[in-house]
Amino acid sequence: MKISDKEIDVAFSGPEGLEIHECKANMIRQWRDPLFKRTKKGRKLGFLNEVARECGQRTFAFCTGLDGSFATEYIKELLEAYGYKNLLVAGKEELIKSGDFL
């Protein structure tokens, strides 16, 4: 089902649910304060935040990047402050811990 014209970097769909990722090399550069809903980056974050409402509770939207722990925590706090409560944030430490590739 098409719900938007927005592009998604990575999406996984299966019996366990839907997982989508918006990947950035530097999340702070992309999503620094202030965030405006009318801008391209603000509309993308709004879309990602609303995917769970449109697609169901087994939907996970991630903002992922190679940022360190300070940047990852900053982005988590920034997104929450702007009301993007449905977005999960993962930096390089979380991504490395989640994989079996090392």
Protein backbone atom coordinates (compact mmCIF):
# COMPACT_ATOMS: atom_id res chain seq x y z
CA MET A 1 0.00 0.00 0.00
CA LYS A 2 1.44 3.37 -0.98
CA ILE A 3 1.08 5.90 1.82
CA SER A 4 3.42 8.67 0.63
CA ASP A 5 5.67 9.91 -2.17
CA LYS A 6 8.54 10.13 0.34
CA GLU A 7 11.52 7.90 -0.33
CA ILE A 8 12.84 5.53 2.34
CA ASP A 9 16.49 4.46 2.41
CA VAL A 10 15.92 0.91 3.69
CA ALA A 11 12.75 -1.05 4.44
CA PHE A 12 12.22 -4.56 5.75
CA SER A 13 8.80 -6.20 5.74
CA GLY A 14 7.90 -9.60 7.14
CA PRO A 15 5.63 -11.47 9.53
CA GLU A 16 7.16 -9.68 12.53
CA GLY A 17 6.33 -6.23 11.18
CA LEU A 18 7.67 -3.33 9.12
CA GLU A 19 11.04 -1.70 9.79
CA ILE A 20 12.14 1.43 7.93
CA HIS A 21 15.41 3.37 8.14
CA GLU A 22 16.43 6.88 7.19
CA CYS A 23 20.23 6.77 7.08
CA LYS A 24 22.52 9.77 7.48
CA ALA A 25 26.31 10.01 7.70
CA ASN A 26 25.90 12.92 10.14
CA MET A 27 22.51 13.12 11.88
CA ILE A 28 23.30 16.40 13.66
CA ARG A 29 24.12 18.18 10.40
CA GLN A 30 20.89 16.90 8.84
CA TRP A 31 18.54 17.42 11.79
CA ARG A 32 19.83 20.37 13.77
CA ASP A 33 17.61 22.73 15.71
CA PRO A 34 15.30 24.35 14.68
CA LEU A 35 13.22 21.79 12.77
CA PHE A 36 10.36 23.19 10.71
CA LYS A 37 7.50 21.00 9.46
CA ARG A 38 7.40 22.93 6.16
CA THR A 39 11.00 22.14 5.23
CA LYS A 40 12.11 19.01 3.39
CA LYS A 41 13.82 17.51 6.46
CA GLY A 42 10.87 18.39 8.70
CA ARG A 43 8.37 16.77 6.32
CA LYS A 44 10.52 13.60 6.16
CA LEU A 45 10.66 13.35 9.97
CA GLY A 46 6.92 13.96 10.19
CA PHE A 47 6.29 11.19 7.68
CA LEU A 48 8.55 8.75 9.54
CA ASN A 49 6.85 9.61 12.81
CA GLU A 50 3.39 8.93 11.33
CA VAL A 51 4.21 5.60 9.64
CA ALA A 52 3.34 3.63 12.79
CA ARG A 53 -0.10 5.25 12.93
CA GLU A 54 -0.77 4.43 9.27
CA CYS A 55 0.73 0.94 9.15
CA GLY A 56 0.05 -0.41 12.63
CA GLN A 57 1.77 -0.90 15.93
CA ARG A 58 4.35 -3.38 14.61
CA THR A 59 6.04 -0.66 12.61
CA PHE A 60 9.47 0.68 13.58
CA ALA A 61 10.99 3.82 12.09
CA PHE A 62 14.70 4.42 12.69
CA CYS A 63 17.00 7.37 12.11
CA THR A 64 20.42 5.76 11.76
CA GLY A 65 23.90 7.14 11.30
CA LEU A 66 27.58 6.73 12.01
CA ASP A 67 27.45 9.33 14.75
CA GLY A 68 28.95 8.67 18.18
CA SER A 69 27.03 8.43 21.44
CA PHE A 70 26.92 12.21 22.11
CA ALA A 71 25.33 12.94 18.73
CA THR A 72 22.93 10.02 19.05
CA GLU A 73 21.70 11.22 22.46
CA TYR A 74 21.38 14.80 21.13
CA ILE A 75 19.20 13.62 18.23
CA LYS A 76 17.04 11.48 20.54
CA GLU A 77 16.38 14.49 22.78
CA LEU A 78 15.81 16.84 19.84
CA LEU A 79 13.27 14.55 18.17
CA GLU A 80 11.43 14.02 21.44
CA ALA A 81 11.35 17.79 22.09
CA TYR A 82 9.72 18.31 18.68
CA GLY A 83 7.14 15.60 19.34
CA TYR A 84 8.59 12.88 17.13
CA LYS A 85 7.94 10.21 19.75
CA ASN A 86 7.57 7.29 17.34
CA LEU A 87 11.11 7.55 15.95
CA LEU A 88 13.93 5.36 17.22
CA VAL A 89 17.51 6.61 16.88
CA ALA A 90 20.60 4.42 16.49
CA GLY A 91 24.22 5.55 16.19
CA LYS A 92 27.26 3.47 15.34
CA GLU A 93 27.56 1.87 18.79
CA GLU A 94 23.99 0.53 18.62
CA LEU A 95 24.41 -0.59 15.03
CA ILE A 96 27.63 -2.48 15.82
CA LYS A 97 26.08 -4.13 18.89
CA SER A 98 23.04 -5.26 16.89
CA GLY A 99 25.02 -7.02 14.16
CA ASP A 100 26.79 -10.34 14.01
CA PHE A 101 29.30 -9.10 11.43
CA LEU A 102 32.23 -8.47 13.78
